[in-house]
Amino acid sequence: MKKGLRKFLAMGLATVLAVSSLTACGEKADSGKGGTAPGVTLNEAGTYPIVKDGKVELSVFTLSMPNVQDFETNDFTKFLEEKTGIHIKFVTAGRDEYEEKLNLLLQSGDYPDVILGGAPNLAKYGVKEGVIIPLDDYLTDKNVPNYLKLVANYDINKTKEADGKIYSLGGVNDCYHCQYARRMWVNQKYLKEMGVEIPTTTEEFKDVCKKFLEYKKGGIAVAGAAQGWHTRMQDWIMGAFTFVPSKSATLNARDYVVLNDETKKIETVANTDAYKEGLKYMRDLYKMGAIYDGNFTQTSEQLRTLANQEDEPVLFFTAGVNSDVIDPDSNNKLYRNYVPMAPIKGPDGTQIAWTIRNSGFRSGGFCITDKCQNVEAALRWVDFFYSETGDLCSQYGAEEGKDWVLKPEGKVGLNGEPALYEVLNLYSSDPQNHDWQDVGLRVAPAPYRLGQAVDADVDPYSPAGLEKLLFDASKNLYEPYANKTKLLNLSELKLTDEESTAVSTMAVELDKLIEENSVAFITGTKDIDAEWESYKDALNKSGLEEILKTYQTAYDRQAK
């Protein structure tokens, strides 16, 4: 082991590719023993392959993404199967359908052995129903040595549910640029041709949109998407009026909930005067034709298609990562035109960058269902993702020297310290079948993320410069305007099943009310001045106060 990587591991920067084994689904696991399934023997713990004799198949539910062509034939999948001796059978769902499909599977009884990268409602399917099994007795150095080294640097209590038991392993993605991921990108080529600067206020933004619509007939001034990573343009614009904590790929009423640091009270922004003023401003933009109608319904893939069409030029678009919209390799000329811009200042001086401050350690990274016949093998399987090179292998490919190198000589990381690794197989949003990229389980603490090698003089608009581009944009344009309100991370609030069920039921109607009314106010199909009070009344009747009360109860319970 290289010296730099010993430090890497000691810090808990483990990233594993260990994959656990399960045979046929159908029988409940003997969760009291955790032995091997009949006809299967395992090698000594800590060695590979995991399986010594017999055939082991592990069915895995995980997220699918457009840039990963086929998990079954993926190069990393093949590597993982050969390393562990475990065949993986995938059940996948796209970002927009993930939660719904997972719930349907768990309710049907026909569900996979493990869930990788995004847990279901653990209060319901774990604590109450036992579909997801508790893991407390299995979290030993024999089964998950890499994971235990990692969590020594974090608070493992964050993975405990309301009953005090652990139903999932945590994942870590302590990404600096992700803390300021709600970003707007502007085409500097068009700005230069129009003779204007990047707007800094709401009035300047409106004026630039107006000039662009006159300059490019049929062009789209502001593009976004309803589904995608920070692609909701209305959330970014709202930063000039108030803080909207929404961080989900899809809107949820719970994402309008914040914790007031001073009062320690849980509040909402969806019914405030500041939120109303933001909607009125966007109504003006919409009336002048600046906001594209498709923004309220389209997916991130449709935004990508839109932004790459030459006959319908786009001036502004929202996205957490610009490369998700325009590929830096295959379409570099267009990619270079779009630069990040700071949050704009509103009429009263409000200028907020969406911010989430946390360690990046979250429960729900990996769960085992009662279908699993070999809990021990399953944990030894996933423990590889928490090893030294697990994250590198899953994200970039498994071949050292071709996909990545450790401790590259003379290289420095984003943090200016000696680099821990250098990525050779650079990220691309184009379809590929070599690695898993941003799906599955991420194990990326801050020193690991910031330890990626980057040349001091790297071209930020080259494929190799993406991380530096995002880092610099966050540091220079967004961190100075970081919101002062603490984002309430609802995943860390451990609700009981009764609380979770009540919230989920009410949230369905609230989600619909907030989204439909917000869009209606922006597009003018509803008169915001005449109908604002009735909107607020509808929120209360649909359970908004009950949801806030439920979250307050859960917060107070955990704060003790």
Protein backbone atom coordinates (compact mmCIF):
# COMPACT_ATOMS: atom_id res chain seq x y z
CA MET A 1 0.00 0.00 0.00
CA LYS A 2 1.36 3.40 -0.90
CA LYS A 3 2.16 5.77 1.94
CA GLY A 4 -0.33 8.42 0.85
CA LEU A 5 -3.07 5.82 0.68
CA ARG A 6 -2.39 4.56 4.18
CA LYS A 7 -3.23 8.06 5.33
CA PHE A 8 -6.20 8.01 2.96
CA LEU A 9 -7.55 4.88 4.61
CA ALA A 10 -6.77 6.01 8.13
CA MET A 11 -8.84 9.12 7.55
CA GLY A 12 -11.76 6.97 6.62
CA LEU A 13 -11.49 7.79 2.95
CA ALA A 14 -12.33 4.27 2.11
CA THR A 15 -14.12 3.37 -1.01
CA VAL A 16 -15.14 -0.19 -1.47
CA LEU A 17 -15.83 -2.49 -4.34
CA ALA A 18 -16.68 -5.45 -2.17
CA VAL A 19 -19.89 -7.04 -3.26
CA SER A 20 -22.02 -9.36 -1.20
CA SER A 21 -23.61 -12.53 -2.35
CA LEU A 22 -27.11 -13.77 -2.29
CA THR A 23 -28.67 -16.77 -3.87
CA ALA A 24 -32.25 -17.12 -4.97
CA CYS A 25 -34.82 -14.72 -3.57
CA GLY A 26 -37.89 -15.95 -1.78
CA GLU A 27 -36.87 -17.17 1.65
CA LYS A 28 -36.38 -14.90 4.59
CA ALA A 29 -32.84 -14.56 5.82
CA ASP A 30 -31.94 -16.04 9.17
CA SER A 31 -31.08 -12.62 10.50
CA GLY A 32 -30.16 -14.05 13.86
CA LYS A 33 -27.30 -16.11 12.47
CA GLY A 34 -26.20 -14.57 9.21
CA GLY A 35 -24.80 -17.86 7.96
CA THR A 36 -24.28 -18.91 4.38
CA ALA A 37 -27.00 -20.24 2.13
CA PRO A 38 -27.18 -24.01 1.60
CA GLY A 39 -24.57 -25.27 -0.85
CA VAL A 40 -22.46 -22.12 -0.61
CA THR A 41 -19.20 -21.61 1.27
CA LEU A 42 -17.27 -18.37 1.57
CA ASN A 43 -13.57 -17.70 1.65
CA GLU A 44 -11.93 -16.26 4.72
CA ALA A 45 -13.20 -12.80 5.57
CA GLY A 46 -11.20 -10.00 3.99
CA THR A 47 -10.17 -12.04 0.94
CA TYR A 48 -11.40 -12.22 -2.63
CA PRO A 49 -13.22 -13.79 -4.23
CA ILE A 50 -15.84 -13.86 -1.50
CA VAL A 51 -17.39 -17.10 -2.72
CA LYS A 52 -15.32 -20.26 -2.39
CA ASP A 53 -17.81 -22.92 -3.49
CA GLY A 54 -21.28 -22.75 -4.94
CA LYS A 55 -23.09 -20.21 -7.03
CA VAL A 56 -24.22 -16.91 -5.58
CA GLU A 57 -26.47 -14.37 -7.25
CA LEU A 58 -27.25 -10.99 -5.74
CA SER A 59 -30.29 -9.05 -6.96
CA VAL A 60 -29.67 -5.34 -6.60
CA PHE A 61 -32.07 -2.42 -6.92
CA THR A 62 -30.30 0.80 -7.89
CA LEU A 63 -30.63 4.03 -9.85
CA SER A 64 -30.14 4.09 -13.60
CA MET A 65 -28.82 7.07 -15.53
CA PRO A 66 -28.77 7.88 -19.26
CA ASN A 67 -24.98 7.87 -19.39
CA VAL A 68 -24.71 4.26 -18.18
CA GLN A 69 -25.81 2.05 -21.04
CA ASP A 70 -26.24 -1.41 -19.51
CA PHE A 71 -25.37 -2.51 -15.99
CA GLU A 72 -25.41 -6.17 -16.95
CA THR A 73 -22.60 -5.77 -19.53
CA ASN A 74 -20.82 -2.80 -17.95
CA ASP A 75 -17.04 -3.18 -17.59
CA PHE A 76 -17.10 -2.35 -13.90
CA THR A 77 -19.88 -4.85 -13.30
CA LYS A 78 -17.81 -7.56 -14.96
CA PHE A 79 -14.80 -6.59 -12.85
CA LEU A 80 -16.89 -6.67 -9.69
CA GLU A 81 -18.34 -10.08 -10.46
CA GLU A 82 -14.93 -11.55 -11.23
CA LYS A 83 -13.41 -10.06 -8.08
CA THR A 84 -16.13 -11.22 -5.72
CA GLY A 85 -17.40 -14.38 -7.37
CA ILE A 86 -20.94 -13.05 -7.12
CA HIS A 87 -23.24 -12.58 -10.09
CA ILE A 88 -25.29 -9.40 -9.96
CA LYS A 89 -28.86 -9.24 -11.20
CA PHE A 90 -30.00 -5.63 -11.60
CA VAL A 91 -33.38 -4.06 -11.08
CA THR A 92 -33.18 -0.37 -11.91
CA ALA A 93 -35.27 2.77 -12.02
CA GLY A 94 -34.63 6.21 -13.45
CA ARG A 95 -34.32 9.27 -11.26
CA ASP A 96 -37.90 10.39 -11.87
CA GLU A 97 -39.47 7.03 -11.03
CA TYR A 98 -37.05 5.68 -8.43
CA GLU A 99 -39.07 6.19 -5.26
CA GLU A 100 -42.36 5.10 -6.81
CA LYS A 101 -40.93 1.93 -8.34
CA LEU A 102 -39.11 0.95 -5.17
CA ASN A 103 -42.25 1.36 -3.09
CA LEU A 104 -44.27 -0.72 -5.54
CA LEU A 105 -41.70 -3.50 -5.42
CA LEU A 106 -41.60 -3.57 -1.64
CA GLN A 107 -45.38 -3.56 -1.42
CA SER A 108 -45.71 -6.38 -3.95
CA GLY A 109 -43.47 -8.77 -2.05
CA ASP A 110 -41.40 -9.38 -5.17
CA TYR A 111 -38.36 -7.30 -4.32
CA PRO A 112 -34.57 -7.75 -4.64
CA ASP A 113 -32.04 -8.84 -2.06
CA VAL A 114 -30.41 -5.46 -1.52
CA ILE A 115 -30.98 -1.79 -2.27
CA LEU A 116 -27.91 0.19 -3.29
CA GLY A 117 -27.67 3.96 -3.24
CA GLY A 118 -31.11 5.10 -2.09
CA ALA A 119 -33.14 3.63 0.76
CA PRO A 120 -36.93 3.41 0.97
CA ASN A 121 -38.96 4.60 3.95
CA LEU A 122 -37.07 2.75 6.69
CA ALA A 123 -39.61 3.61 9.39
CA LYS A 124 -42.21 1.69 7.38
CA TYR A 125 -40.30 -1.06 5.60
CA GLY A 126 -37.67 -1.52 8.29
CA VAL A 127 -38.89 -0.68 11.78
CA LYS A 128 -42.55 -1.58 11.28
CA GLU A 129 -42.71 -4.29 8.61
CA GLY A 130 -39.26 -5.88 8.80
CA VAL A 131 -38.83 -6.03 5.03
CA ILE A 132 -35.51 -4.23 5.54
CA ILE A 133 -33.56 -6.06 8.23
CA PRO A 134 -31.60 -4.45 11.09
CA LEU A 135 -27.84 -4.70 10.68
CA ASP A 136 -26.54 -3.93 14.17
CA ASP A 137 -25.35 -7.46 14.93
CA TYR A 138 -23.56 -7.74 11.57
CA LEU A 139 -21.49 -4.56 11.71
CA THR A 140 -18.23 -6.24 12.72
CA ASP A 141 -14.62 -6.07 11.56
CA LYS A 142 -15.15 -9.46 9.96
CA ASN A 143 -17.98 -8.31 7.73
CA VAL A 144 -17.39 -4.58 7.12
CA PRO A 145 -13.87 -3.54 8.16
CA ASN A 146 -13.65 -0.74 5.58
CA TYR A 147 -17.03 0.67 6.54
CA LEU A 148 -16.16 0.75 10.23
CA LYS A 149 -12.92 2.63 9.49
CA LEU A 150 -14.96 5.19 7.58
CA VAL A 151 -17.70 5.76 10.15
CA ALA A 152 -15.11 6.23 12.89
CA ASN A 153 -14.81 9.73 11.40
CA TYR A 154 -18.57 10.38 11.48
CA ASP A 155 -21.53 9.96 13.77
CA ILE A 156 -22.92 6.47 13.19
CA ASN A 157 -25.99 7.47 15.21
CA LYS A 158 -27.18 9.29 12.09
CA THR A 159 -27.93 5.89 10.60
CA LYS A 160 -30.17 4.84 13.48
CA GLU A 161 -33.92 4.87 13.07
CA ALA A 162 -36.51 5.90 15.65
CA ASP A 163 -36.29 2.50 17.36
CA GLY A 164 -32.54 2.91 17.87
CA LYS A 165 -31.56 0.23 15.36
CA ILE A 166 -29.50 0.50 12.17
CA TYR A 167 -31.21 -0.58 8.94
CA SER A 168 -28.73 0.80 6.43
CA LEU A 169 -25.09 1.57 5.83
CA GLY A 170 -24.31 5.22 5.26
CA GLY A 171 -22.89 6.79 2.14
CA VAL A 172 -20.56 9.78 2.00
CA ASN A 173 -20.40 12.43 -0.68
CA ASP A 174 -18.87 15.46 0.98
CA CYS A 175 -18.65 17.45 -2.20
CA TYR A 176 -17.66 21.11 -1.90
CA HIS A 177 -19.21 22.25 -5.16
CA CYS A 178 -22.36 20.27 -4.33
CA GLN A 179 -22.89 22.58 -1.36
CA TYR A 180 -23.63 25.38 -3.87
CA ALA A 181 -25.08 23.27 -6.66
CA ARG A 182 -28.01 25.49 -7.62
CA ARG A 183 -26.24 27.33 -10.43
CA MET A 184 -27.17 29.42 -13.45
CA TRP A 185 -25.12 29.30 -16.65
CA VAL A 186 -25.12 32.08 -19.24
CA ASN A 187 -23.95 32.15 -22.85
CA GLN A 188 -21.13 34.70 -22.80
CA LYS A 189 -20.94 34.70 -26.59
CA TYR A 190 -24.46 36.10 -26.85
CA LEU A 191 -23.78 38.64 -24.10
CA LYS A 192 -20.74 39.91 -25.98
CA GLU A 193 -22.64 40.12 -29.26
CA MET A 194 -25.38 42.13 -27.51
CA GLY A 195 -22.85 44.37 -25.80
CA VAL A 196 -24.03 43.61 -22.26
CA GLU A 197 -22.44 42.24 -19.08
CA ILE A 198 -23.53 39.32 -16.92
CA PRO A 199 -26.53 40.64 -14.96
CA THR A 200 -26.12 41.18 -11.23
CA THR A 201 -29.64 42.31 -10.22
CA THR A 202 -33.19 41.28 -11.02
CA GLU A 203 -33.70 44.38 -13.13
CA GLU A 204 -30.52 43.75 -15.10
CA PHE A 205 -31.54 40.11 -15.57
CA LYS A 206 -34.92 41.18 -16.95
CA ASP A 207 -33.29 43.73 -19.23
CA VAL A 208 -30.80 41.20 -20.63
CA CYS A 209 -33.64 38.74 -21.28
CA LYS A 210 -35.56 41.42 -23.16
CA LYS A 211 -32.54 42.32 -25.30
CA PHE A 212 -31.90 38.66 -26.09
CA LEU A 213 -35.47 38.04 -27.25
CA GLU A 214 -35.12 40.98 -29.61
CA TYR A 215 -31.68 39.79 -30.76
CA LYS A 216 -32.54 36.11 -31.27
CA LYS A 217 -36.07 35.75 -32.56
CA GLY A 218 -37.38 32.39 -31.42
CA GLY A 219 -34.60 32.03 -28.87
CA ILE A 220 -35.12 30.90 -25.27
CA ALA A 221 -33.96 33.36 -22.64
CA VAL A 222 -34.31 31.14 -19.55
CA ALA A 223 -34.31 27.34 -19.78
CA GLY A 224 -34.63 24.77 -17.02
CA ALA A 225 -36.28 21.48 -16.21
CA ALA A 226 -38.80 20.21 -13.69
CA GLN A 227 -36.74 17.05 -13.11
CA GLY A 228 -32.99 17.04 -12.83
CA TRP A 229 -30.17 17.95 -10.48
CA HIS A 230 -30.81 21.59 -9.61
CA THR A 231 -32.38 22.31 -12.99
CA ARG A 232 -35.40 24.18 -11.59
CA MET A 233 -34.85 27.72 -12.86
CA GLN A 234 -37.54 29.14 -10.54
CA ASP A 235 -35.62 28.03 -7.45
CA TRP A 236 -32.49 29.85 -8.60
CA ILE A 237 -34.40 33.04 -9.43
CA MET A 238 -36.19 32.87 -6.07
CA GLY A 239 -32.80 33.38 -4.39
CA ALA A 240 -33.21 37.10 -5.12
CA PHE A 241 -36.27 37.14 -2.85
CA THR A 242 -36.01 34.34 -0.27
CA PHE A 243 -34.35 31.03 0.44
CA VAL A 244 -36.04 27.99 -1.07
CA PRO A 245 -34.33 24.90 0.35
CA SER A 246 -35.60 22.52 -2.34
CA LYS A 247 -32.75 20.23 -3.27
CA SER A 248 -34.56 17.22 -4.69
CA ALA A 249 -34.57 16.12 -8.28
CA THR A 250 -38.35 16.44 -8.09
CA LEU A 251 -40.34 18.94 -6.08
CA ASN A 252 -41.67 17.96 -2.68
CA ALA A 253 -43.54 20.11 -0.19
CA ARG A 254 -41.08 19.00 2.48
CA ASP A 255 -38.31 20.72 0.54
CA TYR A 256 -39.83 24.07 1.44
CA VAL A 257 -39.10 23.38 5.10
CA VAL A 258 -36.27 25.14 6.93
CA LEU A 259 -34.96 25.21 10.47
CA ASN A 260 -34.71 28.68 11.95
CA ASP A 261 -31.29 28.70 13.64
CA GLU A 262 -32.31 31.35 16.15
CA THR A 263 -35.67 29.97 17.30
CA LYS A 264 -35.00 26.29 16.50
CA LYS A 265 -38.45 26.25 14.96
CA ILE A 266 -39.29 24.53 11.70
CA GLU A 267 -40.85 26.89 9.18
CA THR A 268 -41.94 27.00 5.56
CA VAL A 269 -41.27 29.60 2.86
CA ALA A 270 -44.06 28.54 0.49
CA ASN A 271 -46.61 30.95 1.99
CA THR A 272 -44.44 33.99 2.75
CA ASP A 273 -44.65 37.48 1.25
CA ALA A 274 -41.08 37.16 -0.06
CA TYR A 275 -42.01 33.98 -1.94
CA LYS A 276 -45.02 35.78 -3.39
CA GLU A 277 -42.81 38.64 -4.64
CA GLY A 278 -40.51 36.14 -6.33
CA LEU A 279 -43.45 34.58 -8.15
CA LYS A 280 -44.63 38.01 -9.28
CA TYR A 281 -41.18 38.79 -10.69
CA MET A 282 -41.18 35.53 -12.63
CA ARG A 283 -44.68 36.31 -13.86
CA ASP A 284 -43.23 39.46 -15.45
CA LEU A 285 -40.45 37.43 -17.07
CA TYR A 286 -42.99 34.96 -18.39
CA LYS A 287 -45.25 37.67 -19.81
CA MET A 288 -42.36 39.05 -21.84
CA GLY A 289 -41.60 35.58 -23.19
CA ALA A 290 -38.36 35.03 -21.29
CA ILE A 291 -39.35 31.81 -19.50
CA TYR A 292 -39.80 28.74 -21.68
CA ASP A 293 -43.08 26.88 -21.09
CA GLY A 294 -41.36 23.51 -21.10
CA ASN A 295 -39.36 24.45 -18.01
CA PHE A 296 -42.27 23.41 -15.81
CA THR A 297 -42.63 19.90 -17.20
CA GLN A 298 -39.53 18.74 -19.06
CA THR A 299 -36.82 16.38 -17.85
CA SER A 300 -33.11 17.08 -17.68
CA GLU A 301 -32.65 15.02 -20.85
CA GLN A 302 -35.13 17.25 -22.67
CA LEU A 303 -33.27 20.30 -21.38
CA ARG A 304 -30.09 18.77 -22.75
CA THR A 305 -31.69 18.32 -26.17
CA LEU A 306 -33.04 21.86 -26.11
CA ALA A 307 -29.74 23.48 -25.18
CA ASN A 308 -27.88 21.67 -27.96
CA GLN A 309 -30.20 22.83 -30.76
CA GLU A 310 -28.67 25.58 -32.85
CA ASP A 311 -32.00 26.78 -34.25
CA GLU A 312 -33.35 27.56 -30.76
CA PRO A 313 -30.50 29.28 -28.93
CA VAL A 314 -30.60 29.39 -25.12
CA LEU A 315 -29.20 32.33 -23.15
CA PHE A 316 -29.52 31.08 -19.55
CA PHE A 317 -30.02 27.57 -18.18
CA THR A 318 -29.98 26.13 -14.67
CA ALA A 319 -28.08 22.96 -13.79
CA GLY A 320 -25.95 21.77 -10.92
CA VAL A 321 -23.32 20.65 -13.43
CA ASN A 322 -23.04 22.26 -16.86
CA SER A 323 -21.69 19.05 -18.38
CA ASP A 324 -25.06 17.37 -17.68
CA VAL A 325 -26.54 19.73 -20.27
CA ILE A 326 -23.70 20.15 -22.78
CA ASP A 327 -20.93 17.58 -23.05
CA PRO A 328 -17.46 19.13 -22.64
CA ASP A 329 -15.85 16.60 -24.97
CA SER A 330 -18.21 16.01 -27.88
CA ASN A 331 -19.58 19.57 -28.01
CA ASN A 332 -16.75 21.61 -26.52
CA LYS A 333 -17.28 24.69 -28.72
CA LEU A 334 -20.80 25.24 -27.39
CA TYR A 335 -19.79 24.12 -23.89
CA ARG A 336 -17.21 26.91 -23.66
CA ASN A 337 -19.82 29.55 -24.33
CA TYR A 338 -21.62 28.93 -21.04
CA VAL A 339 -20.11 30.40 -17.88
CA PRO A 340 -21.44 30.34 -14.32
CA MET A 341 -22.93 33.50 -12.85
CA ALA A 342 -23.41 34.64 -9.27
CA PRO A 343 -26.89 34.87 -7.70
CA ILE A 344 -28.67 38.05 -8.67
CA LYS A 345 -29.67 40.71 -6.15
CA GLY A 346 -33.34 41.37 -5.55
CA PRO A 347 -35.15 44.70 -5.04
CA ASP A 348 -34.56 44.71 -1.29
CA GLY A 349 -30.94 43.54 -1.54
CA THR A 350 -31.64 39.84 -1.02
CA GLN A 351 -28.98 37.77 -2.77
CA ILE A 352 -28.95 34.14 -1.67
CA ALA A 353 -26.99 31.16 -2.90
CA TRP A 354 -28.56 27.83 -2.09
CA THR A 355 -26.33 26.14 0.46
CA ILE A 356 -26.25 22.87 2.29
CA ARG A 357 -23.70 22.59 5.08
CA ASN A 358 -23.02 19.07 6.21
CA SER A 359 -20.44 16.31 6.31
CA GLY A 360 -22.09 14.49 3.45
CA PHE A 361 -22.63 11.40 5.62
CA ARG A 362 -26.11 9.99 5.11
CA SER A 363 -28.00 6.85 6.04
CA GLY A 364 -29.63 4.79 3.32
CA GLY A 365 -26.56 3.96 1.25
CA PHE A 366 -27.14 0.22 1.38
CA CYS A 367 -30.01 -1.89 2.75
CA ILE A 368 -30.61 -5.63 2.93
CA THR A 369 -34.09 -7.11 2.59
CA ASP A 370 -35.44 -10.23 4.21
CA LYS A 371 -35.07 -12.00 0.87
CA CYS A 372 -31.32 -12.17 1.35
CA GLN A 373 -30.12 -15.66 2.27
CA ASN A 374 -26.59 -14.57 3.08
CA VAL A 375 -26.32 -11.34 5.00
CA GLU A 376 -22.64 -11.79 5.74
CA ALA A 377 -21.74 -12.17 2.06
CA ALA A 378 -23.91 -9.19 1.17
CA LEU A 379 -22.07 -6.97 3.61
CA ARG A 380 -18.65 -8.22 2.50
CA TRP A 381 -19.76 -7.46 -1.08
CA VAL A 382 -20.70 -3.86 -0.38
CA ASP A 383 -17.73 -3.28 1.92
CA PHE A 384 -15.55 -3.07 -1.19
CA PHE A 385 -17.17 0.27 -2.07
CA TYR A 386 -15.75 1.61 1.21
CA SER A 387 -12.20 0.48 0.42
CA GLU A 388 -9.29 2.59 -0.79
CA THR A 389 -10.05 2.29 -4.47
CA GLY A 390 -13.70 1.25 -4.52
CA ASP A 391 -15.09 4.65 -5.37
CA LEU A 392 -12.42 5.21 -8.02
CA CYS A 393 -13.26 1.88 -9.64
CA SER A 394 -17.02 2.36 -9.65
CA GLN A 395 -16.89 5.97 -10.80
CA TYR A 396 -14.08 5.90 -13.36
CA GLY A 397 -13.25 2.27 -14.13
CA ALA A 398 -11.34 -0.50 -12.42
CA GLU A 399 -8.00 -0.41 -14.23
CA GLU A 400 -5.25 1.40 -12.36
CA GLY A 401 -2.93 3.20 -14.73
CA LYS A 402 -5.61 3.48 -17.38
CA ASP A 403 -8.62 4.86 -15.50
CA TRP A 404 -6.81 6.46 -12.57
CA VAL A 405 -3.50 6.50 -10.69
CA LEU A 406 -2.83 6.82 -6.98
CA LYS A 407 -0.66 9.59 -5.54
CA PRO A 408 0.55 10.96 -8.89
CA GLU A 409 4.04 12.41 -8.59
CA GLY A 410 4.22 16.19 -8.62
CA LYS A 411 0.45 16.66 -8.75
CA VAL A 412 -1.66 18.72 -6.37
CA GLY A 413 -5.34 18.44 -5.53
CA LEU A 414 -8.08 21.03 -5.67
CA ASN A 415 -7.17 21.93 -2.09
CA GLY A 416 -3.55 22.66 -3.01
CA GLU A 417 -2.25 19.62 -1.09
CA PRO A 418 -0.39 16.70 -2.71
CA ALA A 419 -2.91 14.85 -4.83
CA LEU A 420 -4.29 11.54 -3.57
CA TYR A 421 -5.18 10.37 -7.06
CA GLU A 422 -5.50 11.45 -10.66
CA VAL A 423 -8.45 10.56 -12.88
CA LEU A 424 -7.44 9.51 -16.40
CA ASN A 425 -10.85 8.35 -17.62
CA LEU A 426 -12.66 11.67 -17.38
CA TYR A 427 -16.37 12.08 -16.70
CA SER A 428 -18.70 12.39 -19.67
CA SER A 429 -22.45 12.83 -19.77
CA ASP A 430 -22.52 10.90 -23.05
CA PRO A 431 -23.63 7.24 -22.88
CA GLN A 432 -20.84 4.82 -22.02
CA ASN A 433 -20.52 1.28 -20.68
CA HIS A 434 -17.20 1.35 -18.84
CA ASP A 435 -18.16 2.42 -15.31
CA TRP A 436 -21.11 3.30 -13.10
CA GLN A 437 -20.29 7.03 -12.80
CA ASP A 438 -22.75 8.79 -10.47
CA VAL A 439 -24.95 5.81 -9.61
CA GLY A 440 -24.74 3.13 -6.96
CA LEU A 441 -22.96 4.04 -3.75
CA ARG A 442 -20.68 7.05 -3.38
CA VAL A 443 -17.97 6.99 -0.74
CA ALA A 444 -16.26 10.33 -1.15
CA PRO A 445 -15.30 12.28 2.00
CA ALA A 446 -14.10 15.86 1.59
CA PRO A 447 -10.33 15.13 1.63
CA TYR A 448 -10.90 12.53 -1.07
CA ARG A 449 -12.98 14.85 -3.23
CA LEU A 450 -10.52 17.71 -2.82
CA GLY A 451 -7.56 15.37 -3.26
CA GLN A 452 -8.22 14.80 -6.96
CA ALA A 453 -5.25 15.95 -9.02
CA VAL A 454 -5.73 19.04 -11.11
CA ASP A 455 -3.12 20.97 -13.06
CA ALA A 456 -2.73 24.51 -11.83
CA ASP A 457 -3.00 25.78 -15.38
CA VAL A 458 -5.71 23.37 -16.52
CA ASP A 459 -8.19 24.80 -18.99
CA PRO A 460 -11.40 24.88 -16.90
CA TYR A 461 -13.50 24.41 -20.02
CA SER A 462 -11.72 21.26 -21.10
CA PRO A 463 -13.08 17.88 -19.97
CA ALA A 464 -10.17 17.64 -17.52
CA GLY A 465 -11.04 21.01 -15.97
CA LEU A 466 -14.61 20.27 -14.85
CA GLU A 467 -13.87 19.82 -11.15
CA LYS A 468 -11.79 23.00 -11.05
CA LEU A 469 -14.49 24.92 -12.91
CA LEU A 470 -17.12 23.83 -10.39
CA PHE A 471 -14.82 24.45 -7.43
CA ASP A 472 -13.88 27.96 -8.57
CA ALA A 473 -17.48 28.86 -9.42
CA SER A 474 -18.59 27.74 -5.96
CA LYS A 475 -15.75 29.52 -4.17
CA ASN A 476 -15.86 32.80 -6.04
CA LEU A 477 -19.48 33.21 -7.13
CA TYR A 478 -21.63 31.31 -4.64
CA GLU A 479 -19.95 30.93 -1.27
CA PRO A 480 -19.94 34.73 -0.71
CA TYR A 481 -23.76 34.66 -0.90
CA ALA A 482 -24.35 31.45 1.05
CA ASN A 483 -27.71 31.48 2.78
CA LYS A 484 -27.73 32.04 6.51
CA THR A 485 -30.71 29.77 7.10
CA LYS A 486 -29.82 26.21 7.98
CA LEU A 487 -31.19 23.70 5.52
CA LEU A 488 -33.12 21.07 7.40
CA ASN A 489 -31.95 17.71 6.13
CA LEU A 490 -35.13 15.69 6.37
CA SER A 491 -33.29 12.43 5.79
CA GLU A 492 -31.69 12.90 9.20
CA LEU A 493 -35.04 13.30 10.94
CA LYS A 494 -36.03 9.82 12.06
CA LEU A 495 -39.81 9.68 11.94
CA THR A 496 -41.89 6.86 13.31
CA ASP A 497 -43.92 4.91 10.77
CA GLU A 498 -47.09 6.67 11.93
CA GLU A 499 -45.44 10.08 11.51
CA SER A 500 -43.98 9.15 8.14
CA THR A 501 -47.29 7.80 6.87
CA ALA A 502 -49.16 10.92 7.97
CA VAL A 503 -46.62 13.24 6.40
CA SER A 504 -46.51 11.30 3.13
CA THR A 505 -50.27 11.28 2.81
CA MET A 506 -50.58 15.02 3.37
CA ALA A 507 -47.55 15.80 1.23
CA VAL A 508 -49.21 14.41 -1.88
CA GLU A 509 -51.86 17.12 -1.84
CA LEU A 510 -49.44 19.80 -0.67
CA ASP A 511 -46.94 18.98 -3.40
CA LYS A 512 -49.68 19.36 -5.95
CA LEU A 513 -50.96 22.61 -4.47
CA ILE A 514 -47.58 24.31 -4.20
CA GLU A 515 -46.38 23.29 -7.64
CA GLU A 516 -49.61 23.90 -9.55
CA ASN A 517 -50.29 27.24 -7.91
CA SER A 518 -46.71 28.44 -8.28
CA VAL A 519 -46.77 27.63 -11.99
CA ALA A 520 -50.22 29.18 -12.36
CA PHE A 521 -49.08 32.39 -10.66
CA ILE A 522 -45.98 32.58 -12.87
CA THR A 523 -47.84 31.89 -16.10
CA GLY A 524 -50.73 34.18 -15.18
CA THR A 525 -53.47 31.56 -15.33
CA LYS A 526 -54.16 32.61 -11.75
CA ASP A 527 -54.17 36.17 -10.43
CA ILE A 528 -51.58 36.12 -7.66
CA ASP A 529 -52.87 39.25 -5.92
CA ALA A 530 -56.50 38.17 -5.99
CA GLU A 531 -55.92 34.50 -5.14
CA TRP A 532 -52.91 34.49 -2.80
CA GLU A 533 -54.94 34.29 0.41
CA SER A 534 -57.05 31.43 -0.90
CA TYR A 535 -53.82 29.63 -1.84
CA LYS A 536 -52.51 29.97 1.71
CA ASP A 537 -55.82 28.74 3.12
CA ALA A 538 -55.68 25.72 0.83
CA LEU A 539 -52.18 24.88 2.10
CA ASN A 540 -53.36 24.94 5.71
CA LYS A 541 -56.44 22.85 4.93
CA SER A 542 -54.25 20.31 3.18
CA GLY A 543 -52.09 19.78 6.24
CA LEU A 544 -49.18 22.20 6.03
CA GLU A 545 -49.33 23.03 9.74
CA GLU A 546 -49.57 19.35 10.58
CA ILE A 547 -46.46 18.57 8.57
CA LEU A 548 -44.52 21.36 10.28
CA LYS A 549 -45.71 20.12 13.67
CA THR A 550 -44.67 16.55 12.86
CA TYR A 551 -41.19 17.60 11.80
CA GLN A 552 -40.88 19.82 14.86
CA THR A 553 -41.74 16.86 17.10
CA ALA A 554 -39.15 14.68 15.38
CA TYR A 555 -36.52 17.42 15.57
CA ASP A 556 -37.15 18.08 19.26
CA ARG A 557 -37.01 14.35 19.99
CA GLN A 558 -33.60 13.98 18.34
CA ALA A 559 -32.23 17.20 19.81
CA LYS A 560 -32.58 15.86 23.35
